[in-house]
Structures are given as C-alpha cells and as structure tokens.
C-alpha cells in the first residue's frame, strides 16, 4: 500500500461528535484531513467501483451521495477555493475508485498524520473490516459513542428532515427507532467486537460524547496522544457544539420507547466500560420506571437525571473516560 495511505480512520458513531472531531483535528498543524469529511470508500466506493457515468446518472446510494457532494463543493468553488483543494476535488470526483485512488487522496498530507472520518464504517460487516486491516494494518481507529437514547433520537430527527416532512407522528418515529439503519448504528458492542477481532485493542480509541461536553480539551489531548501528535495548547473549536441535530427535547413517550429498546444492551456496555455507560444504563432504567409524559431534554446530561446519578455516586463527577480500548478494558470499570 502507498506511503500516503491514511494513518487513522474515524468510524463513527453517527451523531456522536464525529464532525466536532473532524473540525478540531483540521486545525492541528501535524494532522491532515481531506476537504470532504466522509469519503465512504470502504462502505460504498470500494464495493461498487462505479464509472463516472454511473456516478453521474445511476440510481444508487453511492451515486446520489457523489452528486450531493459535487453540488456542495461546486457552490464552494464559486466562493473561492484554493488551487490545491481544487486539485484534490478533481481527483476525488473524476478518477476511478480503487485502492490506489484512495491512497492518493491523502498525498497532500505527506509528512503529517493523515486520516478520514466516515461514521458509516461503524456498521460494516466483519469481512469488510478484514479488508481494511489487510489494506491498512497499522491504521488507528477512533470510535466515538453517545448515549443510545440521544443518538437514536438525533438520527430519527435528521431522517425526518431529509424526507421533507414538516413533522412526523409517533408511529413514524417508532418505526425508525427499530429499523436496522438506526439500531445497527447504536449497536456499539457489535461494532467493537468486529473491529477488535481485526485490530489490536491498543489501535482502537473509544471516546464518549459526555467528554466532548464536560472535558473537550482533555479528550482532544488524549486523541492526539493516541495518534502520536503533540496536543495543542489551545483549540479554537473545542467548545463548539456540532453533535445536536435533535431539537431541545424528546417527547416523554418516545424517550421511554428508546429506553425500553436499549435497556438490555446498555447492561452489557455498562458492565464492560462502567463510567458513562453506567450513566446511560441509569437513564434507561429511570425512564422506563418513571415513564415521563412531558418533554425530556434531548441531551440527557442536562436533565435532572444527571444530578440523580451524581447523587448515587456520592456527588462525584466522572473524570474523563475516553481512551484506547486496551486502557478502558483494564482501568475504566467505575460503576
């Protein structure tokens, strides 16, 4: 594989802070990320290998995405784009899709730590992750997690907006919650099991959205150390909030439905990771038991549940937990 191949891959989860991570790493002088955040090579392009005509006119998921990205960058080019970025965009949009093409996308970052962030990689099947390991055996993997209730709600709201519907009723949301495109993206245990079966635990970083909220600079410092670059003294985007997309509240009935859906899987996550995963389990159990009828904050750590969880812990706020999977497995089992 080319020396220009990426050093790290952000694999998700969707609606768990990947845009926040991308924007912050973009400002690091030792890190290079492509102008397009989500390359979708391993989940779409490597599998489909469409021709230029197929991308432009085909009725496929990857073709539709290619056209959306092209339109967005075309509008940006009209407002002024550097020559180097135009060259990259020409390669990205016009050349054929194969492993050599993929590696060439990272050539502008030669001499720096290069990477990409595509949240859909979190739901890849094991055989496709095996292909990534074969191609990129030394790559470091970054996986950000979010309370499944919050993540699924944010995802559902995004899907509703994308349909163009002015609003959706209760049944629309309930159907979306149980669709594979939602449940797979929140099946963190499955994702970790698959990626850990192909990459050693010390090459997988697991981050928690609560750290983005409570300890953003500490999280970025830990990511930098994991990637082998020096942490910055100051991050201009560390306090930015780009992981919402869900509105301010969740109707109580729908919050309870999500809590019931994820209550059992959260016991497995809490037993493995403790800390924030225990907080997620606490949320699910209390929502199911209390069955609120009013609105519930869409970011549950801003709700009274957070204070109740802290009180149960002796009012001790959790320390930053995000770390390589090998460290989490050894030292982060705080109930």
Protein backbone atom coordinates (compact mmCIF):
# COMPACT_ATOMS: atom_id res chain seq x y z
CA UNK A 1 0.00 0.00 0.00
CA UNK A 2 1.15 3.53 -0.76
CA UNK A 3 3.01 5.50 1.88
CA UNK A 4 0.26 8.10 1.51
CA UNK A 5 -2.40 5.76 2.94
CA UNK A 6 -4.18 7.22 5.99
CA UNK A 7 -2.78 6.73 9.46
CA UNK A 8 -6.17 6.80 11.19
CA UNK A 9 -9.86 6.33 10.48
CA UNK A 10 -12.81 7.76 12.40
CA UNK A 11 -15.51 5.11 12.14
CA UNK A 12 -18.43 6.79 13.94
CA UNK A 13 -20.79 6.62 15.59
CA UNK A 14 -23.17 8.81 13.62
CA UNK A 15 -24.48 11.74 15.69
CA UNK A 16 -21.79 11.13 18.31
CA UNK A 17 -19.42 14.05 17.69
CA UNK A 18 -17.54 13.00 14.56
CA UNK A 19 -17.99 16.43 12.95
CA UNK A 20 -16.65 18.05 16.12
CA UNK A 21 -13.61 15.77 15.98
CA UNK A 22 -13.05 16.43 12.27
CA UNK A 23 -13.18 20.22 12.68
CA UNK A 24 -10.82 20.22 15.63
CA UNK A 25 -8.24 17.92 14.05
CA UNK A 26 -8.34 20.06 10.89
CA UNK A 27 -6.71 22.91 12.80
CA UNK A 28 -3.80 20.76 14.05
CA UNK A 29 -0.60 21.52 12.08
CA UNK A 30 0.61 17.91 12.38
CA UNK A 31 -2.66 16.41 11.11
CA UNK A 32 -4.14 16.44 7.61
CA UNK A 33 -7.75 15.59 6.78
CA UNK A 34 -9.33 15.75 3.29
CA UNK A 35 -11.66 18.60 2.31
CA UNK A 36 -14.54 16.12 2.23
CA UNK A 37 -15.21 14.70 5.69
CA UNK A 38 -16.94 11.44 4.72
CA UNK A 39 -15.18 9.57 1.90
CA UNK A 40 -17.36 6.43 2.16
CA UNK A 41 -14.68 4.37 0.44
CA UNK A 42 -14.90 1.16 2.43
CA UNK A 43 -18.69 1.04 2.77
CA UNK A 44 -19.60 2.17 -0.76
CA UNK A 45 -16.92 3.04 -3.30
CA UNK A 46 -14.62 0.04 -2.80
CA UNK A 47 -17.61 -2.26 -3.19
CA UNK A 48 -19.38 -0.52 -6.07
CA UNK A 49 -16.47 0.87 -8.19
CA UNK A 50 -18.89 2.84 -10.38
CA UNK A 51 -17.82 4.52 -13.59
CA UNK A 52 -18.04 8.29 -13.89
CA UNK A 53 -21.22 7.89 -15.96
CA UNK A 54 -22.67 5.56 -13.36
CA UNK A 55 -21.98 8.05 -10.59
CA UNK A 56 -23.49 10.91 -12.54
CA UNK A 57 -26.68 9.18 -13.66
CA UNK A 58 -27.06 5.90 -11.75
CA UNK A 59 -29.83 5.38 -9.23
CA UNK A 60 -27.57 4.12 -6.46
CA UNK A 61 -26.79 5.27 -2.93
CA UNK A 62 -23.16 5.99 -3.77
CA UNK A 63 -24.12 7.83 -6.96
CA UNK A 64 -26.63 10.02 -5.15
CA UNK A 65 -24.06 10.82 -2.46
CA UNK A 66 -21.42 11.63 -5.11
CA UNK A 67 -23.81 14.09 -6.76
CA UNK A 68 -24.74 15.76 -3.46
CA UNK A 69 -21.09 16.20 -2.54
CA UNK A 70 -20.26 17.52 -6.01
CA UNK A 71 -23.04 20.13 -5.86
CA UNK A 72 -21.92 21.28 -2.41
CA UNK A 73 -18.27 21.65 -3.41
CA UNK A 74 -19.23 23.33 -6.70
CA UNK A 75 -21.05 26.02 -4.74
CA UNK A 76 -17.99 26.42 -2.52
CA UNK A 77 -15.67 26.73 -5.54
CA UNK A 78 -17.68 29.69 -6.74
CA UNK A 79 -16.93 31.47 -3.46
CA UNK A 80 -13.21 30.84 -3.78
CA UNK A 81 -11.27 27.61 -3.33
CA UNK A 82 -7.50 27.19 -3.28
CA UNK A 83 -5.75 25.57 -6.24
CA UNK A 84 -4.56 22.70 -4.02
CA UNK A 85 -8.11 21.98 -2.92
CA UNK A 86 -9.39 22.16 -6.49
CA UNK A 87 -6.78 19.58 -7.49
CA UNK A 88 -7.90 17.32 -4.66
CA UNK A 89 -11.56 17.72 -5.63
CA UNK A 90 -10.77 16.90 -9.24
CA UNK A 91 -9.08 13.66 -8.17
CA UNK A 92 -11.87 12.80 -5.76
CA UNK A 93 -14.74 13.36 -8.18
CA UNK A 94 -13.33 12.44 -11.57
CA UNK A 95 -10.95 9.49 -11.18
CA UNK A 96 -11.79 5.80 -10.80
CA UNK A 97 -12.38 4.20 -7.42
CA UNK A 98 -9.72 1.71 -6.31
CA UNK A 99 -7.18 1.29 -3.51
CA UNK A 100 -4.53 3.33 -5.30
CA UNK A 101 -7.01 6.17 -5.84
CA UNK A 102 -7.98 6.04 -2.15
CA UNK A 103 -4.35 6.29 -1.02
CA UNK A 104 -3.70 9.16 -3.43
CA UNK A 105 -6.38 11.25 -1.69
CA UNK A 106 -4.02 11.59 1.29
CA UNK A 107 -0.91 12.60 -0.68
CA UNK A 108 -1.35 16.32 0.18
CA UNK A 109 -0.81 15.40 3.82
CA UNK A 110 2.52 13.68 3.25
CA UNK A 111 4.72 14.09 6.32
CA UNK A 112 1.75 14.58 8.63
CA UNK A 113 -0.69 12.24 10.35
CA UNK A 114 -3.47 11.74 7.81
CA UNK A 115 -6.94 10.35 8.29
CA UNK A 116 -10.58 10.40 7.38
CA UNK A 117 -13.89 10.29 9.28
CA UNK A 118 -16.80 8.26 7.90
CA UNK A 119 -19.38 7.27 10.56
CA UNK A 120 -20.93 4.57 8.38
CA UNK A 121 -17.81 2.43 8.85
CA UNK A 122 -19.18 1.55 12.29
CA UNK A 123 -21.80 -0.74 10.73
CA UNK A 124 -19.52 -2.60 8.32
CA UNK A 125 -19.62 -6.38 8.30
CA UNK A 126 -16.61 -8.29 9.59
CA UNK A 127 -15.44 -9.27 6.09
CA UNK A 128 -15.18 -5.62 5.07
CA UNK A 129 -13.26 -4.70 8.23
CA UNK A 130 -10.92 -7.59 7.44
CA UNK A 131 -10.32 -5.96 4.06
CA UNK A 132 -9.48 -2.66 5.74
CA UNK A 133 -7.00 -4.38 8.07
CA UNK A 134 -5.35 -6.07 5.11
CA UNK A 135 -5.02 -2.72 3.33
CA UNK A 136 -4.23 -0.58 6.41
CA UNK A 137 -2.74 -2.86 9.08
CA UNK A 138 -1.16 -0.02 11.08
CA UNK A 139 -4.16 2.34 10.97
CA UNK A 140 -5.50 3.68 14.24
CA UNK A 141 -9.26 3.55 14.72
CA UNK A 142 -11.30 6.23 16.51
CA UNK A 143 -14.84 5.34 17.61
CA UNK A 144 -16.99 7.93 19.42
CA UNK A 145 -20.01 6.75 21.43
CA UNK A 146 -23.14 8.58 22.53
CA UNK A 147 -25.98 7.65 24.87
CA UNK A 148 -28.06 5.37 22.60
CA UNK A 149 -31.28 7.18 23.52
CA UNK A 150 -29.83 10.52 22.43
CA UNK A 151 -28.14 9.12 19.33
CA UNK A 152 -31.21 7.32 18.05
CA UNK A 153 -33.40 10.38 18.61
CA UNK A 154 -30.97 12.70 16.82
CA UNK A 155 -30.73 10.24 13.93
CA UNK A 156 -34.52 9.99 13.69
CA UNK A 157 -34.92 13.77 13.61
CA UNK A 158 -32.32 14.03 10.84
CA UNK A 159 -34.13 11.41 8.78
CA UNK A 160 -37.44 13.23 9.22
CA UNK A 161 -35.89 16.47 7.96
CA UNK A 162 -34.36 14.70 4.98
CA UNK A 163 -37.78 13.39 3.90
CA UNK A 164 -39.04 16.95 3.64
CA UNK A 165 -41.90 16.24 6.02
CA UNK A 166 -42.95 19.19 8.16
CA UNK A 167 -43.50 16.83 11.09
CA UNK A 168 -43.73 13.15 11.88
CA UNK A 169 -46.18 11.35 14.11
CA UNK A 170 -45.45 8.92 16.93
CA UNK A 171 -45.63 5.84 14.70
CA UNK A 172 -43.12 7.30 12.21
CA UNK A 173 -40.57 7.66 14.98
CA UNK A 174 -41.29 4.25 16.49
CA UNK A 175 -40.76 2.61 13.09
CA UNK A 176 -37.48 4.45 12.59
CA UNK A 177 -36.20 3.53 16.06
CA UNK A 178 -36.48 -0.18 15.23
CA UNK A 179 -35.12 -0.05 11.67
CA UNK A 180 -31.66 -1.60 11.11
CA UNK A 181 -30.29 1.74 9.85
CA UNK A 182 -30.84 3.05 13.39
CA UNK A 183 -30.28 0.01 15.61
CA UNK A 184 -27.07 -1.05 13.85
CA UNK A 185 -25.56 2.41 14.34
CA UNK A 186 -26.28 2.17 18.06
CA UNK A 187 -25.09 -1.42 18.48
CA UNK A 188 -21.76 -0.35 19.92
CA UNK A 189 -20.97 -3.80 21.29
CA UNK A 190 -21.25 -5.27 17.79
CA UNK A 191 -19.01 -2.59 16.29
CA UNK A 192 -16.35 -3.00 18.96
CA UNK A 193 -16.46 -6.79 18.71
CA UNK A 194 -15.98 -6.71 14.92
CA UNK A 195 -13.19 -4.13 14.87
CA UNK A 196 -11.44 -5.66 17.88
CA UNK A 197 -11.42 -9.01 16.10
CA UNK A 198 -9.27 -7.46 13.34
CA UNK A 199 -7.32 -4.69 15.10
CA UNK A 200 -5.50 -4.90 18.45
CA UNK A 201 -7.16 -3.04 21.31
CA UNK A 202 -4.32 -0.52 21.56
CA UNK A 203 -5.09 0.62 17.98
CA UNK A 204 -8.74 1.41 18.81
CA UNK A 205 -9.68 4.62 20.65
CA UNK A 206 -13.13 4.76 22.26
CA UNK A 207 -14.44 8.23 23.04
CA UNK A 208 -17.60 9.35 24.82
CA UNK A 209 -19.73 12.33 23.87
CA UNK A 210 -20.00 13.33 27.53
CA UNK A 211 -16.26 14.07 27.40
CA UNK A 212 -16.89 16.37 24.43
CA UNK A 213 -19.32 18.27 26.64
CA UNK A 214 -17.53 18.21 30.01
CA UNK A 215 -13.85 17.71 29.10
CA UNK A 216 -13.36 18.70 25.43
CA UNK A 217 -9.72 19.75 25.60
CA UNK A 218 -8.76 16.71 27.67
CA UNK A 219 -10.46 14.48 25.09
CA UNK A 220 -8.58 16.16 22.24
CA UNK A 221 -5.32 15.78 24.17
CA UNK A 222 -5.98 12.05 24.56
CA UNK A 223 -6.82 11.69 20.87
CA UNK A 224 -3.59 13.48 19.93
CA UNK A 225 -1.51 11.21 22.12
CA UNK A 226 -3.25 8.21 20.60
CA UNK A 227 -2.44 9.49 17.09
CA UNK A 228 1.15 10.26 18.03
CA UNK A 229 1.00 14.04 17.59
CA UNK A 230 1.62 16.80 20.11
CA UNK A 231 -1.52 18.20 21.80
CA UNK A 232 -2.27 21.85 21.12
CA UNK A 233 -2.14 24.43 23.89
CA UNK A 234 -5.41 25.90 22.68
CA UNK A 235 -8.23 24.57 20.50
CA UNK A 236 -10.41 27.22 18.89
CA UNK A 237 -13.26 24.78 18.19
CA UNK A 238 -13.12 22.67 21.34
CA UNK A 239 -16.21 24.29 22.84
CA UNK A 240 -18.25 24.15 19.63
CA UNK A 241 -21.40 22.05 19.75
CA UNK A 242 -21.95 20.19 16.48
CA UNK A 243 -23.47 16.97 17.77
CA UNK A 244 -27.06 18.07 18.39
CA UNK A 245 -29.44 17.94 15.45
CA UNK A 246 -32.26 16.75 17.66
CA UNK A 247 -34.02 19.83 18.96
CA UNK A 248 -34.14 20.68 22.62
CA UNK A 249 -36.40 17.89 23.87
CA UNK A 250 -37.75 14.39 23.26
CA UNK A 251 -41.44 13.63 23.86
CA UNK A 252 -41.56 11.55 27.03
CA UNK A 253 -43.37 8.65 25.37
CA UNK A 254 -40.69 8.37 22.70
CA UNK A 255 -37.87 8.66 25.24
CA UNK A 256 -39.43 5.74 27.12
CA UNK A 257 -39.71 3.73 23.90
CA UNK A 258 -36.00 4.24 23.24
CA UNK A 259 -35.12 3.39 26.83
CA UNK A 260 -37.06 0.13 26.53
CA UNK A 261 -35.33 -0.66 23.24
CA UNK A 262 -31.80 -0.15 24.60
CA UNK A 263 -32.20 -1.12 28.27
CA UNK A 264 -30.81 -4.64 27.85
CA UNK A 265 -27.85 -3.76 25.56
CA UNK A 266 -26.88 -1.00 27.97
CA UNK A 267 -26.33 -3.51 30.75
CA UNK A 268 -23.64 -5.15 28.59
CA UNK A 269 -21.94 -1.83 27.84
CA UNK A 270 -22.10 -0.74 31.48
CA UNK A 271 -20.55 -3.99 32.66
CA UNK A 272 -17.69 -3.56 30.18
CA UNK A 273 -16.97 0.17 30.46
CA UNK A 274 -18.68 1.46 33.60
CA UNK A 275 -18.45 5.26 33.81
CA UNK A 276 -20.55 6.97 31.17
CA UNK A 277 -22.02 3.66 30.01
CA UNK A 278 -23.33 3.19 33.55
CA UNK A 279 -24.89 6.63 33.24
CA UNK A 280 -26.63 5.55 30.04
CA UNK A 281 -27.99 2.46 31.79
CA UNK A 282 -29.17 4.68 34.66
CA UNK A 283 -31.07 6.86 32.17
CA UNK A 284 -32.77 3.88 30.54
CA UNK A 285 -33.80 2.32 33.81
CA UNK A 286 -35.24 5.52 35.25
CA UNK A 287 -37.09 6.46 32.07
CA UNK A 288 -38.69 3.03 31.94
CA UNK A 289 -39.59 3.09 35.63
CA UNK A 290 -40.80 6.70 35.80
CA UNK A 291 -42.41 6.87 32.31
CA UNK A 292 -42.44 10.69 31.97
CA UNK A 293 -45.33 12.14 29.96
CA UNK A 294 -43.83 15.57 29.33
CA UNK A 295 -40.78 16.61 27.33
CA UNK A 296 -37.35 15.18 28.22
CA UNK A 297 -34.10 17.08 27.43
CA UNK A 298 -32.56 15.63 24.26
CA UNK A 299 -29.14 15.87 25.91
CA UNK A 300 -29.85 13.83 28.99
CA UNK A 301 -26.84 15.10 30.93
CA UNK A 302 -28.69 18.44 31.12
CA UNK A 303 -31.70 16.78 32.78
CA UNK A 304 -32.40 16.15 36.48
CA UNK A 305 -31.37 12.54 35.83
CA UNK A 306 -27.73 13.66 35.74
CA UNK A 307 -27.95 15.14 39.23
CA UNK A 308 -29.69 11.99 40.46
CA UNK A 309 -26.90 9.83 39.00
CA UNK A 310 -24.22 12.00 40.59
CA UNK A 311 -26.01 11.76 43.94
CA UNK A 312 -25.99 7.98 43.62
CA UNK A 313 -22.20 8.20 43.07
CA UNK A 314 -21.69 10.40 46.13
CA UNK A 315 -21.80 13.61 44.05
CA UNK A 316 -18.50 12.77 42.40
CA UNK A 317 -18.48 13.93 38.76
CA UNK A 318 -16.84 11.42 36.42
CA UNK A 319 -13.29 12.01 35.26
CA UNK A 320 -12.60 11.91 31.51
CA UNK A 321 -13.03 8.35 30.31
CA UNK A 322 -12.17 8.38 26.59
CA UNK A 323 -9.07 6.28 25.93
CA UNK A 324 -7.64 3.45 23.82
CA UNK A 325 -9.73 0.31 24.16
CA UNK A 326 -6.87 -1.51 25.87
CA UNK A 327 -6.83 1.07 28.69
CA UNK A 328 -10.60 1.11 29.04
CA UNK A 329 -10.69 -2.64 29.37
CA UNK A 330 -8.14 -2.52 32.19
CA UNK A 331 -8.92 0.55 34.22
CA UNK A 332 -12.27 2.20 33.49
CA UNK A 333 -14.73 -0.12 35.24
CA UNK A 334 -16.18 2.51 37.56
CA UNK A 335 -19.84 1.78 38.25
